[in-house]
C-alpha atoms as a PDB file:
ATOM      1  CA  UNK A   1      20.923 -13.614   4.977  1.00  0.00           C
ATOM      2  CA  UNK A   2      18.414 -12.943   2.202  1.00  0.00           C
ATOM      3  CA  UNK A   3      18.794  -9.506   0.395  1.00  0.00           C
ATOM      4  CA  UNK A   4      16.073  -6.832   0.685  1.00  0.00           C
ATOM      5  CA  UNK A   5      13.559  -6.607  -2.151  1.00  0.00           C
ATOM      6  CA  UNK A   6      12.194  -3.246  -2.954  1.00  0.00           C
ATOM      7  CA  UNK A   7       8.335  -3.545  -3.127  1.00  0.00           C
ATOM      8  CA  UNK A   8       7.597   0.247  -3.849  1.00  0.00           C
ATOM      9  CA  UNK A   9       6.482   1.674  -7.078  1.00  0.00           C
ATOM     10  CA  UNK A  10       8.974   4.388  -8.444  1.00  0.00           C
ATOM     11  CA  UNK A  11       7.352   7.966  -8.604  1.00  0.00           C
ATOM     12  CA  UNK A  12       7.481   9.424 -12.133  1.00  0.00           C
ATOM     13  CA  UNK A  13       5.801  11.917 -14.227  1.00  0.00           C
ATOM     14  CA  UNK A  14       2.836  10.161 -16.116  1.00  0.00           C
ATOM     15  CA  UNK A  15       2.413   7.354 -13.954  1.00  0.00           C
ATOM     16  CA  UNK A  16      -0.699   5.708 -13.316  1.00  0.00           C
ATOM     17  CA  UNK A  17      -2.812   7.202 -10.407  1.00  0.00           C
ATOM     18  CA  UNK A  18      -6.416   6.640  -9.399  1.00  0.00           C
ATOM     19  CA  UNK A  19      -8.875   8.379 -11.303  1.00  0.00           C
ATOM     20  CA  UNK A  20      -9.786  11.776  -9.910  1.00  0.00           C
ATOM     21  CA  UNK A  21      -6.669  11.883  -7.944  1.00  0.00           C
ATOM     22  CA  UNK A  22      -3.811  14.322  -8.661  1.00  0.00           C
ATOM     23  CA  UNK A  23      -1.107  13.281 -11.263  1.00  0.00           C
ATOM     24  CA  UNK A  24       2.696  13.617 -10.818  1.00  0.00           C
ATOM     25  CA  UNK A  25       4.470  16.654 -12.016  1.00  0.00           C
ATOM     26  CA  UNK A  26       8.180  16.822 -11.590  1.00  0.00           C
ATOM     27  CA  UNK A  27      10.230  19.796 -12.728  1.00  0.00           C
ATOM     28  CA  UNK A  28      13.746  21.225 -12.182  1.00  0.00           C
ATOM     29  CA  UNK A  29      13.756  24.674 -10.509  1.00  0.00           C
ATOM     30  CA  UNK A  30      17.482  24.741 -10.724  1.00  0.00           C
ATOM     31  CA  UNK A  31      19.842  22.346 -12.546  1.00  0.00           C
ATOM     32  CA  UNK A  32      23.630  21.917 -13.020  1.00  0.00           C
ATOM     33  CA  UNK A  33      23.348  21.610 -16.601  1.00  0.00           C
ATOM     34  CA  UNK A  34      21.902  25.245 -16.666  1.00  0.00           C
ATOM     35  CA  UNK A  35      24.656  26.638 -14.669  1.00  0.00           C
ATOM     36  CA  UNK A  36      23.138  26.531 -11.359  1.00  0.00           C
ATOM     37  CA  UNK A  37      25.175  25.560  -8.234  1.00  0.00           C
ATOM     38  CA  UNK A  38      22.868  22.637  -7.557  1.00  0.00           C
ATOM     39  CA  UNK A  39      19.969  20.610  -9.047  1.00  0.00           C
ATOM     40  CA  UNK A  40      16.805  21.309  -7.194  1.00  0.00           C
ATOM     41  CA  UNK A  41      13.483  19.678  -8.155  1.00  0.00           C
ATOM     42  CA  UNK A  42      10.013  20.482  -7.452  1.00  0.00           C
ATOM     43  CA  UNK A  43       7.550  17.484  -7.061  1.00  0.00           C
ATOM     44  CA  UNK A  44       3.738  17.703  -7.028  1.00  0.00           C
ATOM     45  CA  UNK A  45       1.503  14.602  -6.394  1.00  0.00           C
ATOM     46  CA  UNK A  46      -1.426  13.254  -4.499  1.00  0.00           C
ATOM     47  CA  UNK A  47      -0.480  11.559  -1.100  1.00  0.00           C
ATOM     48  CA  UNK A  48      -2.156   8.449  -2.361  1.00  0.00           C
ATOM     49  CA  UNK A  49       0.210   8.120  -5.317  1.00  0.00           C
ATOM     50  CA  UNK A  50       2.170   4.873  -5.940  1.00  0.00           C
ATOM     51  CA  UNK A  51       3.199   3.005  -2.804  1.00  0.00           C
ATOM     52  CA  UNK A  52       1.330   4.627  -0.020  1.00  0.00           C
ATOM     53  CA  UNK A  53      -0.099   4.365   3.499  1.00  0.00           C
ATOM     54  CA  UNK A  54      -3.591   5.470   4.377  1.00  0.00           C
ATOM     55  CA  UNK A  55      -4.335   7.160   7.591  1.00  0.00           C
ATOM     56  CA  UNK A  56      -7.646   6.791   9.644  1.00  0.00           C
ATOM     57  CA  UNK A  57      -8.430  10.391   8.663  1.00  0.00           C
ATOM     58  CA  UNK A  58      -8.688   9.349   4.985  1.00  0.00           C
ATOM     59  CA  UNK A  59     -12.036   7.992   5.720  1.00  0.00           C
ATOM     60  CA  UNK A  60     -13.026   8.821   9.391  1.00  0.00           C
ATOM     61  CA  UNK A  61     -13.615  12.372  10.560  1.00  0.00           C
ATOM     62  CA  UNK A  62     -11.707  13.488  13.667  1.00  0.00           C
ATOM     63  CA  UNK A  63      -9.281  10.600  13.728  1.00  0.00           C
ATOM     64  CA  UNK A  64      -5.439  10.103  13.330  1.00  0.00           C
ATOM     65  CA  UNK A  65      -3.337  11.373  10.631  1.00  0.00           C
ATOM     66  CA  UNK A  66      -0.503   9.531   8.933  1.00  0.00           C
ATOM     67  CA  UNK A  67       2.055  11.196  11.208  1.00  0.00           C
ATOM     68  CA  UNK A  68       0.236   9.394  14.255  1.00  0.00           C
ATOM     69  CA  UNK A  69       0.484   6.028  12.954  1.00  0.00           C
ATOM     70  CA  UNK A  70       2.602   3.523  15.071  1.00  0.00           C
ATOM     71  CA  UNK A  71       5.697   2.531  13.186  1.00  0.00           C
ATOM     72  CA  UNK A  72       5.806  -0.808  14.770  1.00  0.00           C
ATOM     73  CA  UNK A  73       2.689  -1.801  12.680  1.00  0.00           C
ATOM     74  CA  UNK A  74       4.706  -1.136   9.614  1.00  0.00           C
ATOM     75  CA  UNK A  75       7.873  -2.653  10.627  1.00  0.00           C
ATOM     76  CA  UNK A  76       8.503  -6.364  11.595  1.00  0.00           C
ATOM     77  CA  UNK A  77       7.549  -9.860  10.347  1.00  0.00           C
ATOM     78  CA  UNK A  78       5.037 -10.068   7.627  1.00  0.00           C
ATOM     79  CA  UNK A  79       3.458 -12.724   5.193  1.00  0.00           C
ATOM     80  CA  UNK A  80       2.778 -12.608   1.853  1.00  0.00           C
ATOM     81  CA  UNK A  81      -0.363 -14.308   0.724  1.00  0.00           C
ATOM     82  CA  UNK A  82      -0.721 -15.187  -2.954  1.00  0.00           C
ATOM     83  CA  UNK A  83      -4.108 -14.985  -4.573  1.00  0.00           C
ATOM     84  CA  UNK A  84      -3.391 -15.066  -8.328  1.00  0.00           C
ATOM     85  CA  UNK A  85      -6.893 -16.059  -9.571  1.00  0.00           C
ATOM     86  CA  UNK A  86      -9.158 -13.773  -7.172  1.00  0.00           C
ATOM     87  CA  UNK A  87     -11.102 -10.947  -8.772  1.00  0.00           C
ATOM     88  CA  UNK A  88     -12.572  -9.952  -5.559  1.00  0.00           C
ATOM     89  CA  UNK A  89     -10.903 -11.213  -2.258  1.00  0.00           C
ATOM     90  CA  UNK A  90     -13.505 -12.598   0.126  1.00  0.00           C
ATOM     91  CA  UNK A  91     -13.436 -13.670   3.877  1.00  0.00           C
ATOM     92  CA  UNK A  92     -13.302 -17.424   2.601  1.00  0.00           C
ATOM     93  CA  UNK A  93     -10.054 -16.671   0.581  1.00  0.00           C
ATOM     94  CA  UNK A  94      -8.325 -15.079   3.748  1.00  0.00           C
ATOM     95  CA  UNK A  95      -9.769 -17.622   6.143  1.00  0.00           C
ATOM     96  CA  UNK A  96      -8.057 -20.247   3.946  1.00  0.00           C
ATOM     97  CA  UNK A  97      -4.982 -18.432   4.060  1.00  0.00           C
ATOM     98  CA  UNK A  98      -5.212 -18.769   8.082  1.00  0.00           C
ATOM     99  CA  UNK A  99      -4.838 -15.132   8.531  1.00  0.00           C
ATOM    100  CA  UNK A 100      -4.199 -14.714  12.360  1.00  0.00           C
ATOM    101  CA  UNK A 101      -4.239 -11.928  14.798  1.00  0.00           C
ATOM    102  CA  UNK A 102      -1.409  -9.435  14.999  1.00  0.00           C
ATOM    103  CA  UNK A 103      -0.058 -10.360  11.471  1.00  0.00           C
ATOM    104  CA  UNK A 104       1.046  -7.990   8.971  1.00  0.00           C
ATOM    105  CA  UNK A 105      -0.365  -9.441   5.537  1.00  0.00           C
ATOM    106  CA  UNK A 106       0.553  -8.499   2.038  1.00  0.00           C
ATOM    107  CA  UNK A 107      -1.708  -9.803  -0.593  1.00  0.00           C
ATOM    108  CA  UNK A 108      -0.020 -10.658  -3.922  1.00  0.00           C
ATOM    109  CA  UNK A 109      -2.585 -10.847  -6.832  1.00  0.00           C
ATOM    110  CA  UNK A 110      -2.595 -10.467 -10.578  1.00  0.00           C
ATOM    111  CA  UNK A 111      -2.630  -6.667  -9.874  1.00  0.00           C
ATOM    112  CA  UNK A 112       1.353  -6.637  -9.847  1.00  0.00           C
ATOM    113  CA  UNK A 113       1.527  -7.452 -13.313  1.00  0.00           C
ATOM    114  CA  UNK A 114      -0.162  -3.968 -14.267  1.00  0.00           C
ATOM    115  CA  UNK A 115       2.421  -1.685 -12.801  1.00  0.00           C
ATOM    116  CA  UNK A 116       4.182  -1.402 -16.181  1.00  0.00           C
ATOM    117  CA  UNK A 117       1.200   0.370 -17.699  1.00  0.00           C
ATOM    118  CA  UNK A 118       0.439   3.947 -17.301  1.00  0.00           C
ATOM    119  CA  UNK A 119      -3.241   3.383 -18.006  1.00  0.00           C
ATOM    120  CA  UNK A 120      -5.379   2.638 -14.794  1.00  0.00           C
ATOM    121  CA  UNK A 121      -6.472  -0.868 -14.562  1.00  0.00           C
ATOM    122  CA  UNK A 122     -10.186  -0.894 -13.811  1.00  0.00           C
ATOM    123  CA  UNK A 123     -10.440  -4.452 -13.132  1.00  0.00           C
ATOM    124  CA  UNK A 124      -7.954  -4.434 -10.258  1.00  0.00           C
ATOM    125  CA  UNK A 125      -8.310  -7.167  -7.569  1.00  0.00           C
ATOM    126  CA  UNK A 126      -9.606  -5.868  -4.141  1.00  0.00           C
ATOM    127  CA  UNK A 127     -11.202  -6.809  -0.976  1.00  0.00           C
ATOM    128  CA  UNK A 128     -14.922  -7.093  -0.308  1.00  0.00           C
ATOM    129  CA  UNK A 129     -16.490  -5.927   2.941  1.00  0.00           C
ATOM    130  CA  UNK A 130     -16.569  -9.552   4.231  1.00  0.00           C
ATOM    131  CA  UNK A 131     -12.855  -9.801   3.878  1.00  0.00           C
ATOM    132  CA  UNK A 132     -12.302  -6.473   5.507  1.00  0.00           C
ATOM    133  CA  UNK A 133     -14.599  -7.556   8.461  1.00  0.00           C
ATOM    134  CA  UNK A 134     -12.526 -10.698   8.992  1.00  0.00           C
ATOM    135  CA  UNK A 135      -9.280  -8.881   9.076  1.00  0.00           C
ATOM    136  CA  UNK A 136     -11.032  -6.376  11.780  1.00  0.00           C
ATOM    137  CA  UNK A 137     -12.305  -9.274  13.742  1.00  0.00           C
ATOM    138  CA  UNK A 138      -8.992 -11.080  13.728  1.00  0.00           C
ATOM    139  CA  UNK A 139      -7.210  -7.884  14.629  1.00  0.00           C
ATOM    140  CA  UNK A 140      -4.419  -8.066  12.066  1.00  0.00           C
ATOM    141  CA  UNK A 141      -1.908  -5.128  12.371  1.00  0.00           C
ATOM    142  CA  UNK A 142      -1.601  -4.328   8.731  1.00  0.00           C
ATOM    143  CA  UNK A 143      -2.935  -5.210   5.403  1.00  0.00           C
ATOM    144  CA  UNK A 144      -1.217  -4.452   2.126  1.00  0.00           C
ATOM    145  CA  UNK A 145      -2.364  -4.857  -1.613  1.00  0.00           C
ATOM    146  CA  UNK A 146      -0.585  -4.516  -5.015  1.00  0.00           C
ATOM    147  CA  UNK A 147      -2.699  -1.774  -6.485  1.00  0.00           C
ATOM    148  CA  UNK A 148      -4.160   1.594  -5.763  1.00  0.00           C
ATOM    149  CA  UNK A 149      -6.933   0.690  -3.515  1.00  0.00           C
ATOM    150  CA  UNK A 150      -7.696  -2.001  -1.018  1.00  0.00           C
ATOM    151  CA  UNK A 151     -11.295  -1.604  -1.839  1.00  0.00           C
ATOM    152  CA  UNK A 152     -13.133  -1.322  -5.157  1.00  0.00           C
ATOM    153  CA  UNK A 153     -16.378  -0.088  -6.585  1.00  0.00           C
ATOM    154  CA  UNK A 154     -19.355   0.855  -4.218  1.00  0.00           C
ATOM    155  CA  UNK A 155     -17.867  -1.141  -1.362  1.00  0.00           C
ATOM    156  CA  UNK A 156     -14.508   0.803  -1.676  1.00  0.00           C
ATOM    157  CA  UNK A 157     -15.313   3.468   1.082  1.00  0.00           C
ATOM    158  CA  UNK A 158     -16.854   0.719   3.432  1.00  0.00           C
ATOM    159  CA  UNK A 159     -13.830  -1.570   3.055  1.00  0.00           C
ATOM    160  CA  UNK A 160     -11.721   1.172   4.203  1.00  0.00           C
ATOM    161  CA  UNK A 161     -13.826   2.390   7.122  1.00  0.00           C
ATOM    162  CA  UNK A 162     -14.095  -1.148   8.391  1.00  0.00           C
ATOM    163  CA  UNK A 163     -10.342  -1.680   8.408  1.00  0.00           C
ATOM    164  CA  UNK A 164      -9.220   1.837   9.665  1.00  0.00           C
ATOM    165  CA  UNK A 165     -11.990   2.010  12.375  1.00  0.00           C
ATOM    166  CA  UNK A 166     -10.515  -1.388  13.686  1.00  0.00           C
ATOM    167  CA  UNK A 167      -7.056   0.103  13.704  1.00  0.00           C
ATOM    168  CA  UNK A 168      -5.767  -1.821  10.766  1.00  0.00           C
ATOM    169  CA  UNK A 169      -3.116  -0.019   8.884  1.00  0.00           C
ATOM    170  CA  UNK A 170      -3.584  -0.041   4.973  1.00  0.00           C
ATOM    171  CA  UNK A 171      -0.773  -0.055   2.613  1.00  0.00           C
ATOM    172  CA  UNK A 172      -1.612   0.284  -1.100  1.00  0.00           C
ATOM    173  CA  UNK A 173       0.299   0.519  -4.353  1.00  0.00           C
ATOM    174  CA  UNK A 174       2.785  -2.263  -3.566  1.00  0.00           C
ATOM    175  CA  UNK A 175       4.640  -4.165  -6.365  1.00  0.00           C
ATOM    176  CA  UNK A 176       4.808  -7.701  -5.304  1.00  0.00           C
ATOM    177  CA  UNK A 177       5.854  -9.041  -8.747  1.00  0.00           C
ATOM    178  CA  UNK A 178       9.385 -10.381  -7.542  1.00  0.00           C
ATOM    179  CA  UNK A 179       7.949 -11.782  -4.163  1.00  0.00           C
ATOM    180  CA  UNK A 180       6.840 -15.160  -3.525  1.00  0.00           C
ATOM    181  CA  UNK A 181       4.295 -16.181  -0.877  1.00  0.00           C
ATOM    182  CA  UNK A 182       5.915 -16.780   2.710  1.00  0.00           C
ATOM    183  CA  UNK A 183       7.282 -15.274   5.622  1.00  0.00           C
ATOM    184  CA  UNK A 184       9.353 -11.864   5.300  1.00  0.00           C
ATOM    185  CA  UNK A 185      10.717  -8.993   7.382  1.00  0.00           C
ATOM    186  CA  UNK A 186       9.054  -5.911   6.445  1.00  0.00           C
ATOM    187  CA  UNK A 187       9.926  -2.178   6.333  1.00  0.00           C
ATOM    188  CA  UNK A 188       7.450   0.313   5.140  1.00  0.00           C
ATOM    189  CA  UNK A 189       7.907   4.114   6.148  1.00  0.00           C
ATOM    190  CA  UNK A 190       5.399   6.696   5.143  1.00  0.00           C
ATOM    191  CA  UNK A 191       6.524  10.302   4.854  1.00  0.00           C
ATOM    192  CA  UNK A 192       5.807  12.144   8.067  1.00  0.00           C
ATOM    193  CA  UNK A 193       3.067  14.677   7.021  1.00  0.00           C
ATOM    194  CA  UNK A 194       1.292  16.406   9.829  1.00  0.00           C
ATOM    195  CA  UNK A 195      -2.555  15.340  10.220  1.00  0.00           C
ATOM    196  CA  UNK A 196      -2.684  14.063   6.641  1.00  0.00           C
ATOM    197  CA  UNK A 197      -4.821  11.484   5.193  1.00  0.00           C
ATOM    198  CA  UNK A 198      -2.060   9.540   3.768  1.00  0.00           C
ATOM    199  CA  UNK A 199       1.680   9.605   2.488  1.00  0.00           C
ATOM    200  CA  UNK A 200       3.832   8.021  -0.169  1.00  0.00           C
ATOM    201  CA  UNK A 201       6.083   5.383   1.198  1.00  0.00           C
ATOM    202  CA  UNK A 202       9.249   3.242   0.480  1.00  0.00           C
ATOM    203  CA  UNK A 203       8.525  -0.396   1.336  1.00  0.00           C
ATOM    204  CA  UNK A 204      10.950  -3.461   1.340  1.00  0.00           C
ATOM    205  CA  UNK A 205      10.841  -7.060   2.349  1.00  0.00           C
ATOM    206  CA  UNK A 206      13.425  -9.572   3.325  1.00  0.00           C
ATOM    207  CA  UNK A 207      12.843 -13.337   3.275  1.00  0.00           C
ATOM    208  CA  UNK A 208      12.744 -14.909   6.731  1.00  0.00           C
ATOM    209  CA  UNK A 209      14.090 -18.334   7.354  1.00  0.00           C
ATOM    210  CA  UNK A 210      11.715 -21.151   7.810  1.00  0.00           C
ATOM    211  CA  UNK A 211      12.252 -24.090  10.266  1.00  0.00           C
END
């Protein structure tokens, strides 16, 4: 059986974050090296830091928080679709990939090469509204992408609203640099934060056998 591959980004001080969002601060309130009985750390970060899951309430008033998401949408068979040359992912790109209803789709783009930098990559690849509508119309269960937002520029909020209003779970901030296109098992578990607009997550995939 194939080994699990961690596709989440390590949380650390100074790491890249979306402009305007909180950065990461990590300090030791207690430490064994200072003679304390245990090491205890304090972590401060935005809930959309690194690898994370968006909840509907992130863009839609009065809707579900991250604690209400169905875990079944985030665990199970998934497919990695490689679009290395795309600047903006369109409905035509996803149609060519034969995205189907009920799928969990992880899109690997050139974004994955930029996780080594602590400087925000403004030219990140993202979905346009047409691509979001195709995913919504085809009723995919989940869409994941390998940078900090599924949408970009002026279309960013609309992309989110289209997907979230259709019940498509959004996972952002994946590192797919070690993952080839194809079928996988996926586990992605966001922290359970009551009624929150999102939460950091640990995500991993394992290659599935093909017939």
